[in-house]
């Protein structure tokens, strides 16, 4: 349950950071979730190969999730702001022609 709350908070934070830089947050939120679970699965596999089973496997899975979360956070933090297009030049309306 705590993992779900942590992931929810992290996803919200990454989305906020990305939107402040003028970018859409949807893909970055999805990337955060993907990196979290991908890191957790990878850590679990490494833990199973190295330690077999038990608390060590769980701890390595959590470490993998933390590394995925840190990666998503660093991507959002180090992102450059979106380029802002230059303002359009003012439109000049020609003066009315005097009637003769």
PDB file of N, CA and C in Angstrom:
ATOM      1  N   UNK A   1       0.823  -1.189   0.000  1.00  0.00           N
ATOM      2  CA  UNK A   1       0.000   0.000   0.000  1.00  0.00           C
ATOM      3  C   UNK A   1       0.871   1.258   0.000  1.00  0.00           C
ATOM      4  N   UNK A   2       1.955   1.228   0.761  1.00  0.00           N
ATOM      5  CA  UNK A   2       2.839   2.389   0.794  1.00  0.00           C
ATOM      6  C   UNK A   2       3.514   2.616  -0.555  1.00  0.00           C
ATOM      7  N   UNK A   3       3.793   1.539  -1.271  1.00  0.00           N
ATOM      8  CA  UNK A   3       4.398   1.680  -2.592  1.00  0.00           C
ATOM      9  C   UNK A   3       3.445   2.398  -3.543  1.00  0.00           C
ATOM     10  N   UNK A   4       2.161   2.069  -3.477  1.00  0.00           N
ATOM     11  CA  UNK A   4       1.182   2.707  -4.348  1.00  0.00           C
ATOM     12  C   UNK A   4       1.096   4.198  -4.045  1.00  0.00           C
ATOM     13  N   UNK A   5       1.096   4.544  -2.768  1.00  0.00           N
ATOM     14  CA  UNK A   5       1.050   5.960  -2.398  1.00  0.00           C
ATOM     15  C   UNK A   5       2.319   6.690  -2.839  1.00  0.00           C
ATOM     16  N   UNK A   6       3.462   6.048  -2.691  1.00  0.00           N
ATOM     17  CA  UNK A   6       4.717   6.662  -3.119  1.00  0.00           C
ATOM     18  C   UNK A   6       4.728   6.858  -4.639  1.00  0.00           C
ATOM     19  N   UNK A   7       4.260   5.864  -5.378  1.00  0.00           N
ATOM     20  CA  UNK A   7       4.214   5.972  -6.837  1.00  0.00           C
ATOM     21  C   UNK A   7       3.242   7.064  -7.256  1.00  0.00           C
ATOM     22  N   UNK A   8       2.096   7.154  -6.608  1.00  0.00           N
ATOM     23  CA  UNK A   8       1.116   8.192  -6.924  1.00  0.00           C
ATOM     24  C   UNK A   8       1.721   9.581  -6.691  1.00  0.00           C
ATOM     25  N   UNK A   9       2.382   9.753  -5.558  1.00  0.00           N
ATOM     26  CA  UNK A   9       2.990  11.046  -5.240  1.00  0.00           C
ATOM     27  C   UNK A   9       4.102  11.387  -6.230  1.00  0.00           C
ATOM     28  N   UNK A  10       4.942  10.425  -6.559  1.00  0.00           N
ATOM     29  CA  UNK A  10       6.041  10.657  -7.491  1.00  0.00           C
ATOM     30  C   UNK A  10       5.506  11.009  -8.875  1.00  0.00           C
ATOM     31  N   UNK A  11       4.485  10.300  -9.333  1.00  0.00           N
ATOM     32  CA  UNK A  11       3.906  10.575 -10.645  1.00  0.00           C
ATOM     33  C   UNK A  11       3.332  11.982 -10.694  1.00  0.00           C
ATOM     34  N   UNK A  12       2.670  12.373  -9.638  1.00  0.00           N
ATOM     35  CA  UNK A  12       2.111  13.725  -9.554  1.00  0.00           C
ATOM     36  C   UNK A  12       3.225  14.771  -9.575  1.00  0.00           C
ATOM     37  N   UNK A  13       4.296  14.534  -8.845  1.00  0.00           N
ATOM     38  CA  UNK A  13       5.419  15.462  -8.769  1.00  0.00           C
ATOM     39  C   UNK A  13       6.119  15.579 -10.125  1.00  0.00           C
ATOM     40  N   UNK A  14       6.354  14.466 -10.796  1.00  0.00           N
ATOM     41  CA  UNK A  14       7.002  14.489 -12.109  1.00  0.00           C
ATOM     42  C   UNK A  14       6.124  15.248 -13.104  1.00  0.00           C
ATOM     43  N   UNK A  15       4.819  15.001 -13.075  1.00  0.00           N
ATOM     44  CA  UNK A  15       3.913  15.722 -13.964  1.00  0.00           C
ATOM     45  C   UNK A  15       3.937  17.218 -13.724  1.00  0.00           C
ATOM     46  N   UNK A  16       3.979  17.619 -12.480  1.00  0.00           N
ATOM     47  CA  UNK A  16       4.031  19.038 -12.128  1.00  0.00           C
ATOM     48  C   UNK A  16       5.339  19.667 -12.616  1.00  0.00           C
ATOM     49  N   UNK A  17       6.451  18.979 -12.420  1.00  0.00           N
ATOM     50  CA  UNK A  17       7.746  19.504 -12.851  1.00  0.00           C
ATOM     51  C   UNK A  17       7.796  19.686 -14.363  1.00  0.00           C
ATOM     52  N   UNK A  18       7.248  18.720 -15.087  1.00  0.00           N
ATOM     53  CA  UNK A  18       7.275  18.768 -16.550  1.00  0.00           C
ATOM     54  C   UNK A  18       6.359  19.876 -17.069  1.00  0.00           C
ATOM     55  N   UNK A  19       5.179  20.035 -16.465  1.00  0.00           N
ATOM     56  CA  UNK A  19       4.255  21.081 -16.907  1.00  0.00           C
ATOM     57  C   UNK A  19       4.809  22.473 -16.631  1.00  0.00           C
ATOM     58  N   UNK A  20       5.577  22.631 -15.557  1.00  0.00           N
ATOM     59  CA  UNK A  20       6.194  23.920 -15.272  1.00  0.00           C
ATOM     60  C   UNK A  20       7.217  24.305 -16.335  1.00  0.00           C
ATOM     61  N   UNK A  21       7.724  23.303 -17.038  1.00  0.00           N
ATOM     62  CA  UNK A  21       8.701  23.568 -18.098  1.00  0.00           C
ATOM     63  C   UNK A  21       8.034  23.671 -19.458  1.00  0.00           C
ATOM     64  N   UNK A  22       6.712  23.741 -19.468  1.00  0.00           N
ATOM     65  CA  UNK A  22       5.975  23.970 -20.705  1.00  0.00           C
ATOM     66  C   UNK A  22       5.765  22.746 -21.565  1.00  0.00           C
ATOM     67  N   UNK A  23       5.806  21.575 -20.986  1.00  0.00           N
ATOM     68  CA  UNK A  23       5.614  20.342 -21.759  1.00  0.00           C
ATOM     69  C   UNK A  23       4.391  19.585 -21.248  1.00  0.00           C
ATOM     70  N   UNK A  24       3.889  18.696 -22.082  1.00  0.00           N
ATOM     71  CA  UNK A  24       2.747  17.870 -21.671  1.00  0.00           C
ATOM     72  C   UNK A  24       3.237  16.769 -20.751  1.00  0.00           C
ATOM     73  N   UNK A  25       2.455  16.456 -19.735  1.00  0.00           N
ATOM     74  CA  UNK A  25       2.939  15.556 -18.687  1.00  0.00           C
ATOM     75  C   UNK A  25       2.534  14.098 -18.857  1.00  0.00           C
ATOM     76  N   UNK A  26       1.614  13.783 -19.731  1.00  0.00           N
ATOM     77  CA  UNK A  26       1.084  12.421 -19.834  1.00  0.00           C
ATOM     78  C   UNK A  26       2.136  11.357 -20.067  1.00  0.00           C
ATOM     79  N   UNK A  27       2.993  11.575 -21.066  1.00  0.00           N
ATOM     80  CA  UNK A  27       4.021  10.580 -21.389  1.00  0.00           C
ATOM     81  C   UNK A  27       5.034  10.444 -20.263  1.00  0.00           C
ATOM     82  N   UNK A  28       5.328  11.526 -19.586  1.00  0.00           N
ATOM     83  CA  UNK A  28       6.308  11.463 -18.511  1.00  0.00           C
ATOM     84  C   UNK A  28       5.743  10.763 -17.281  1.00  0.00           C
ATOM     85  N   UNK A  29       4.452  10.912 -17.053  1.00  0.00           N
ATOM     86  CA  UNK A  29       3.812  10.162 -15.964  1.00  0.00           C
ATOM     87  C   UNK A  29       3.821   8.669 -16.278  1.00  0.00           C
ATOM     88  N   UNK A  30       3.516   8.330 -17.534  1.00  0.00           N
ATOM     89  CA  UNK A  30       3.553   6.922 -17.938  1.00  0.00           C
ATOM     90  C   UNK A  30       4.980   6.368 -17.840  1.00  0.00           C
ATOM     91  N   UNK A  31       5.964   7.181 -18.210  1.00  0.00           N
ATOM     92  CA  UNK A  31       7.357   6.762 -18.100  1.00  0.00           C
ATOM     93  C   UNK A  31       7.737   6.501 -16.644  1.00  0.00           C
ATOM     94  N   UNK A  32       7.230   7.336 -15.738  1.00  0.00           N
ATOM     95  CA  UNK A  32       7.500   7.150 -14.315  1.00  0.00           C
ATOM     96  C   UNK A  32       6.980   5.798 -13.838  1.00  0.00           C
ATOM     97  N   UNK A  33       5.753   5.470 -14.201  1.00  0.00           N
ATOM     98  CA  UNK A  33       5.164   4.187 -13.790  1.00  0.00           C
ATOM     99  C   UNK A  33       5.933   3.029 -14.419  1.00  0.00           C
ATOM    100  N   UNK A  34       6.280   3.174 -15.700  1.00  0.00           N
ATOM    101  CA  UNK A  34       7.022   2.115 -16.385  1.00  0.00           C
ATOM    102  C   UNK A  34       8.388   1.887 -15.741  1.00  0.00           C
ATOM    103  N   UNK A  35       9.105   2.968 -15.445  1.00  0.00           N
ATOM    104  CA  UNK A  35      10.425   2.819 -14.825  1.00  0.00           C
ATOM    105  C   UNK A  35      10.325   2.245 -13.420  1.00  0.00           C
ATOM    106  N   UNK A  36       9.290   2.611 -12.678  1.00  0.00           N
ATOM    107  CA  UNK A  36       9.091   2.069 -11.328  1.00  0.00           C
ATOM    108  C   UNK A  36       8.930   0.551 -11.394  1.00  0.00           C
ATOM    109  N   UNK A  37       7.938   0.100 -12.176  1.00  0.00           N
ATOM    110  CA  UNK A  37       7.668  -1.333 -12.233  1.00  0.00           C
ATOM    111  C   UNK A  37       8.761  -2.098 -12.969  1.00  0.00           C
ATOM    112  N   UNK A  38       9.336  -1.483 -13.995  1.00  0.00           N
ATOM    113  CA  UNK A  38      10.447  -2.130 -14.685  1.00  0.00           C
ATOM    114  C   UNK A  38      11.642  -2.326 -13.771  1.00  0.00           C
ATOM    115  N   UNK A  39      11.946  -1.314 -12.982  1.00  0.00           N
ATOM    116  CA  UNK A  39      13.042  -1.442 -12.021  1.00  0.00           C
ATOM    117  C   UNK A  39      12.752  -2.465 -10.952  1.00  0.00           C
ATOM    118  N   UNK A  40      11.494  -2.524 -10.523  1.00  0.00           N
ATOM    119  CA  UNK A  40      11.122  -3.500  -9.500  1.00  0.00           C
ATOM    120  C   UNK A  40      11.224  -4.933 -10.033  1.00  0.00           C
ATOM    121  N   UNK A  41      10.773  -5.141 -11.257  1.00  0.00           N
ATOM    122  CA  UNK A  41      10.861  -6.479 -11.856  1.00  0.00           C
ATOM    123  C   UNK A  41      12.327  -6.863 -12.080  1.00  0.00           C
ATOM    124  N   UNK A  42      13.117  -5.912 -12.612  1.00  0.00           N
ATOM    125  CA  UNK A  42      14.529  -6.192 -12.832  1.00  0.00           C
ATOM    126  C   UNK A  42      15.247  -6.499 -11.515  1.00  0.00           C
ATOM    127  N   UNK A  43      14.973  -5.708 -10.485  1.00  0.00           N
ATOM    128  CA  UNK A  43      15.569  -5.967  -9.171  1.00  0.00           C
ATOM    129  C   UNK A  43      15.145  -7.304  -8.604  1.00  0.00           C
ATOM    130  N   UNK A  44      13.881  -7.673  -8.832  1.00  0.00           N
ATOM    131  CA  UNK A  44      13.410  -8.976  -8.370  1.00  0.00           C
ATOM    132  C   UNK A  44      14.099 -10.127  -9.079  1.00  0.00           C
ATOM    133  N   UNK A  45      14.318  -9.970 -10.376  1.00  0.00           N
ATOM    134  CA  UNK A  45      15.008 -11.020 -11.130  1.00  0.00           C
ATOM    135  C   UNK A  45      16.451 -11.153 -10.658  1.00  0.00           C
ATOM    136  N   UNK A  46      17.116 -10.021 -10.494  1.00  0.00           N
ATOM    137  CA  UNK A  46      18.499 -10.055 -10.003  1.00  0.00           C
ATOM    138  C   UNK A  46      18.547 -10.663  -8.606  1.00  0.00           C
ATOM    139  N   UNK A  47      17.601 -10.282  -7.761  1.00  0.00           N
ATOM    140  CA  UNK A  47      17.547 -10.844  -6.410  1.00  0.00           C
ATOM    141  C   UNK A  47      17.303 -12.339  -6.417  1.00  0.00           C
ATOM    142  N   UNK A  48      16.442 -12.801  -7.322  1.00  0.00           N
ATOM    143  CA  UNK A  48      16.177 -14.234  -7.409  1.00  0.00           C
ATOM    144  C   UNK A  48      17.413 -14.994  -7.886  1.00  0.00           C
ATOM    145  N   UNK A  49      18.134 -14.407  -8.837  1.00  0.00           N
ATOM    146  CA  UNK A  49      19.329 -15.076  -9.345  1.00  0.00           C
ATOM    147  C   UNK A  49      20.462 -15.105  -8.320  1.00  0.00           C
ATOM    148  N   UNK A  50      20.607 -14.005  -7.591  1.00  0.00           N
ATOM    149  CA  UNK A  50      21.714 -13.929  -6.636  1.00  0.00           C
ATOM    150  C   UNK A  50      21.394 -14.562  -5.283  1.00  0.00           C
ATOM    151  N   UNK A  51      20.184 -14.360  -4.803  1.00  0.00           N
ATOM    152  CA  UNK A  51      19.863 -14.745  -3.428  1.00  0.00           C
ATOM    153  C   UNK A  51      18.835 -15.865  -3.304  1.00  0.00           C
ATOM    154  N   UNK A  52      18.220 -16.236  -4.391  1.00  0.00           N
ATOM    155  CA  UNK A  52      17.195 -17.279  -4.302  1.00  0.00           C
ATOM    156  C   UNK A  52      15.850 -16.684  -3.939  1.00  0.00           C
ATOM    157  N   UNK A  53      15.506 -16.715  -2.681  1.00  0.00           N
ATOM    158  CA  UNK A  53      14.247 -16.130  -2.239  1.00  0.00           C
ATOM    159  C   UNK A  53      14.439 -15.533  -0.847  1.00  0.00           C
ATOM    160  N   UNK A  54      13.395 -14.947  -0.338  1.00  0.00           N
ATOM    161  CA  UNK A  54      13.470 -14.366   0.996  1.00  0.00           C
ATOM    162  C   UNK A  54      13.483 -12.852   0.975  1.00  0.00           C
ATOM    163  N   UNK A  55      13.910 -12.306   2.086  1.00  0.00           N
ATOM    164  CA  UNK A  55      13.871 -10.863   2.263  1.00  0.00           C
ATOM    165  C   UNK A  55      14.853 -10.149   1.340  1.00  0.00           C
ATOM    166  N   UNK A  56      15.952 -10.783   0.997  1.00  0.00           N
ATOM    167  CA  UNK A  56      16.924 -10.174   0.091  1.00  0.00           C
ATOM    168  C   UNK A  56      16.342  -9.911  -1.282  1.00  0.00           C
ATOM    169  N   UNK A  57      15.542 -10.857  -1.787  1.00  0.00           N
ATOM    170  CA  UNK A  57      14.889 -10.680  -3.076  1.00  0.00           C
ATOM    171  C   UNK A  57      13.966  -9.470  -3.021  1.00  0.00           C
ATOM    172  N   UNK A  58      13.192  -9.346  -1.966  1.00  0.00           N
ATOM    173  CA  UNK A  58      12.257  -8.229  -1.823  1.00  0.00           C
ATOM    174  C   UNK A  58      13.015  -6.904  -1.727  1.00  0.00           C
ATOM    175  N   UNK A  59      14.106  -6.898  -0.986  1.00  0.00           N
ATOM    176  CA  UNK A  59      14.878  -5.667  -0.842  1.00  0.00           C
ATOM    177  C   UNK A  59      15.516  -5.243  -2.160  1.00  0.00           C
ATOM    178  N   UNK A  60      15.992  -6.201  -2.945  1.00  0.00           N
ATOM    179  CA  UNK A  60      16.547  -5.850  -4.252  1.00  0.00           C
ATOM    180  C   UNK A  60      15.460  -5.378  -5.211  1.00  0.00           C
ATOM    181  N   UNK A  61      14.258  -5.933  -5.099  1.00  0.00           N
ATOM    182  CA  UNK A  61      13.144  -5.457  -5.916  1.00  0.00           C
ATOM    183  C   UNK A  61      12.792  -4.014  -5.539  1.00  0.00           C
ATOM    184  N   UNK A  62      12.786  -3.712  -4.251  1.00  0.00           N
ATOM    185  CA  UNK A  62      12.530  -2.337  -3.819  1.00  0.00           C
ATOM    186  C   UNK A  62      13.643  -1.395  -4.271  1.00  0.00           C
ATOM    187  N   UNK A  63      14.874  -1.864  -4.229  1.00  0.00           N
ATOM    188  CA  UNK A  63      15.989  -1.042  -4.702  1.00  0.00           C
ATOM    189  C   UNK A  63      15.853  -0.760  -6.199  1.00  0.00           C
ATOM    190  N   UNK A  64      15.394  -1.742  -6.956  1.00  0.00           N
ATOM    191  CA  UNK A  64      15.159  -1.535  -8.388  1.00  0.00           C
ATOM    192  C   UNK A  64      14.054  -0.525  -8.635  1.00  0.00           C
ATOM    193  N   UNK A  65      12.987  -0.615  -7.843  1.00  0.00           N
ATOM    194  CA  UNK A  65      11.903   0.361  -7.972  1.00  0.00           C
ATOM    195  C   UNK A  65      12.394   1.757  -7.621  1.00  0.00           C
ATOM    196  N   UNK A  66      13.208   1.861  -6.592  1.00  0.00           N
ATOM    197  CA  UNK A  66      13.753   3.167  -6.198  1.00  0.00           C
ATOM    198  C   UNK A  66      14.664   3.736  -7.287  1.00  0.00           C
ATOM    199  N   UNK A  67      15.445   2.885  -7.931  1.00  0.00           N
ATOM    200  CA  UNK A  67      16.323   3.380  -8.995  1.00  0.00           C
ATOM    201  C   UNK A  67      15.503   3.829 -10.211  1.00  0.00           C
ATOM    202  N   UNK A  68      14.430   3.125 -10.511  1.00  0.00           N
ATOM    203  CA  UNK A  68      13.543   3.559 -11.598  1.00  0.00           C
ATOM    204  C   UNK A  68      12.867   4.884 -11.272  1.00  0.00           C
ATOM    205  N   UNK A  69      12.446   5.028 -10.014  1.00  0.00           N
ATOM    206  CA  UNK A  69      11.822   6.279  -9.585  1.00  0.00           C
ATOM    207  C   UNK A  69      12.811   7.428  -9.652  1.00  0.00           C
ATOM    208  N   UNK A  70      14.033   7.188  -9.216  1.00  0.00           N
ATOM    209  CA  UNK A  70      15.058   8.226  -9.257  1.00  0.00           C
ATOM    210  C   UNK A  70      15.373   8.624 -10.689  1.00  0.00           C
ATOM    211  N   UNK A  71      15.387   7.661 -11.593  1.00  0.00           N
ATOM    212  CA  UNK A  71      15.640   7.955 -13.003  1.00  0.00           C
ATOM    213  C   UNK A  71      14.548   8.852 -13.570  1.00  0.00           C
ATOM    214  N   UNK A  72      13.287   8.534 -13.286  1.00  0.00           N
ATOM    215  CA  UNK A  72      12.173   9.350 -13.773  1.00  0.00           C
ATOM    216  C   UNK A  72      12.241  10.762 -13.201  1.00  0.00           C
ATOM    217  N   UNK A  73      12.569  10.873 -11.938  1.00  0.00           N
ATOM    218  CA  UNK A  73      12.670  12.185 -11.293  1.00  0.00           C
ATOM    219  C   UNK A  73      13.799  13.006 -11.918  1.00  0.00           C
ATOM    220  N   UNK A  74      14.943  12.378 -12.151  1.00  0.00           N
ATOM    221  CA  UNK A  74      16.075  13.101 -12.732  1.00  0.00           C
ATOM    222  C   UNK A  74      15.802  13.526 -14.173  1.00  0.00           C
ATOM    223  N   UNK A  75      15.079  12.712 -14.911  1.00  0.00           N
ATOM    224  CA  UNK A  75      14.715  13.093 -16.278  1.00  0.00           C
ATOM    225  C   UNK A  75      13.854  14.353 -16.241  1.00  0.00           C
ATOM    226  N   UNK A  76      12.863  14.375 -15.359  1.00  0.00           N
ATOM    227  CA  UNK A  76      11.984  15.540 -15.264  1.00  0.00           C
ATOM    228  C   UNK A  76      12.728  16.768 -14.743  1.00  0.00           C
ATOM    229  N   UNK A  77      13.614  16.565 -13.799  1.00  0.00           N
ATOM    230  CA  UNK A  77      14.330  17.699 -13.202  1.00  0.00           C
ATOM    231  C   UNK A  77      15.298  18.333 -14.188  1.00  0.00           C
ATOM    232  N   UNK A  78      15.974  17.535 -14.983  1.00  0.00           N
ATOM    233  CA  UNK A  78      17.003  18.043 -15.889  1.00  0.00           C
ATOM    234  C   UNK A  78      16.483  18.389 -17.280  1.00  0.00           C
ATOM    235  N   UNK A  79      15.184  18.307 -17.490  1.00  0.00           N
ATOM    236  CA  UNK A  79      14.602  18.608 -18.783  1.00  0.00           C
ATOM    237  C   UNK A  79      14.696  20.108 -19.071  1.00  0.00           C
ATOM    238  N   UNK A  80      14.999  20.422 -20.313  1.00  0.00           N
ATOM    239  CA  UNK A  80      15.043  21.831 -20.693  1.00  0.00           C
ATOM    240  C   UNK A  80      13.628  22.335 -20.935  1.00  0.00           C
ATOM    241  N   UNK A  81      13.381  23.608 -20.664  1.00  0.00           N
ATOM    242  CA  UNK A  81      12.042  24.149 -20.932  1.00  0.00           C
ATOM    243  C   UNK A  81      11.719  24.096 -22.419  1.00  0.00           C
ATOM    244  N   UNK A  82      10.448  23.987 -22.717  1.00  0.00           N
ATOM    245  CA  UNK A  82      10.011  23.956 -24.106  1.00  0.00           C
ATOM    246  C   UNK A  82      10.297  25.306 -24.753  1.00  0.00           C
ATOM    247  N   UNK A  83      10.714  25.305 -26.017  1.00  0.00           N
ATOM    248  CA  UNK A  83      10.977  26.580 -26.675  1.00  0.00           C
ATOM    249  C   UNK A  83       9.687  27.375 -26.839  1.00  0.00           C
ATOM    250  N   UNK A  84       9.794  28.668 -26.605  1.00  0.00           N
ATOM    251  CA  UNK A  84       8.640  29.553 -26.739  1.00  0.00           C
ATOM    252  C   UNK A  84       8.752  30.252 -28.083  1.00  0.00           C
ATOM    253  N   UNK A  85       7.710  30.151 -28.920  1.00  0.00           N
ATOM    254  CA  UNK A  85       7.796  30.813 -30.219  1.00  0.00           C
ATOM    255  C   UNK A  85       7.807  32.331 -30.040  1.00  0.00           C
ATOM    256  N   UNK A  86       8.489  33.037 -30.955  1.00  0.00           N
ATOM    257  CA  UNK A  86       8.512  34.500 -30.823  1.00  0.00           C
ATOM    258  C   UNK A  86       7.117  35.068 -31.068  1.00  0.00           C
ATOM    259  N   UNK A  87       6.837  36.214 -30.463  1.00  0.00           N
ATOM    260  CA  UNK A  87       5.515  36.798 -30.671  1.00  0.00           C
ATOM    261  C   UNK A  87       5.334  37.248 -32.121  1.00  0.00           C
ATOM    262  N   UNK A  88       4.113  37.213 -32.583  1.00  0.00           N
ATOM    263  CA  UNK A  88       3.814  37.622 -33.949  1.00  0.00           C
ATOM    264  C   UNK A  88       3.980  39.133 -34.060  1.00  0.00           C
ATOM    265  N   UNK A  89       4.474  39.599 -35.201  1.00  0.00           N
ATOM    266  CA  UNK A  89       4.609  41.045 -35.355  1.00  0.00           C
ATOM    267  C   UNK A  89       3.230  41.702 -35.374  1.00  0.00           C
ATOM    268  N   UNK A  90       3.163  42.935 -34.921  1.00  0.00           N
ATOM    269  CA  UNK A  90       1.867  43.604 -34.906  1.00  0.00           C
ATOM    270  C   UNK A  90       1.347  43.819 -36.326  1.00  0.00           C
ATOM    271  N   UNK A  91       0.076  43.724 -36.475  1.00  0.00           N
ATOM    272  CA  UNK A  91      -0.548  43.916 -37.780  1.00  0.00           C
ATOM    273  C   UNK A  91      -0.823  45.403 -37.948  1.00  0.00           C
ATOM    274  N   UNK A  92      -0.327  45.971 -39.032  1.00  0.00           N
ATOM    275  CA  UNK A  92      -0.586  47.397 -39.268  1.00  0.00           C
ATOM    276  C   UNK A  92      -1.726  47.537 -40.276  1.00  0.00           C
ATOM    277  N   UNK A  93      -2.664  48.333 -39.891  1.00  0.00           N
ATOM    278  CA  UNK A  93      -3.816  48.591 -40.748  1.00  0.00           C
ATOM    279  C   UNK A  93      -3.567  49.919 -41.453  1.00  0.00           C
ATOM    280  N   UNK A  94      -3.664  49.930 -42.770  1.00  0.00           N
ATOM    281  CA  UNK A  94      -3.407  51.189 -43.472  1.00  0.00           C
ATOM    282  C   UNK A  94      -4.474  52.221 -43.118  1.00  0.00           C
ATOM    283  N   UNK A  95      -4.075  53.479 -43.083  1.00  0.00           N
ATOM    284  CA  UNK A  95      -5.068  54.515 -42.751  1.00  0.00           C
ATOM    285  C   UNK A  95      -6.130  54.593 -43.828  1.00  0.00           C
ATOM    286  N   UNK A  96      -7.320  55.020 -43.452  1.00  0.00           N
ATOM    287  CA  UNK A  96      -8.384  55.112 -44.462  1.00  0.00           C
ATOM    288  C   UNK A  96      -8.044  56.198 -45.506  1.00  0.00           C
ATOM    289  N   UNK A  97      -8.483  55.963 -46.693  1.00  0.00           N
ATOM    290  CA  UNK A  97      -8.269  56.914 -47.788  1.00  0.00           C
ATOM    291  C   UNK A  97      -9.335  57.984 -47.673  1.00  0.00           C
ATOM    292  N   UNK A  98      -8.935  59.275 -47.681  1.00  0.00           N
ATOM    293  CA  UNK A  98      -9.967  60.345 -47.592  1.00  0.00           C
ATOM    294  C   UNK A  98     -10.809  60.387 -48.864  1.00  0.00           C
ATOM    295  N   UNK A  99     -12.080  60.628 -48.672  1.00  0.00           N
ATOM    296  CA  UNK A  99     -12.998  60.698 -49.815  1.00  0.00           C
ATOM    297  C   UNK A  99     -12.900  62.084 -50.443  1.00  0.00           C
ATOM    298  N   UNK A 100     -13.007  62.119 -51.742  1.00  0.00           N
ATOM    299  CA  UNK A 100     -12.888  63.397 -52.455  1.00  0.00           C
ATOM    300  C   UNK A 100     -14.212  64.050 -52.696  1.00  0.00           C
TER     301      UNK A 100
END
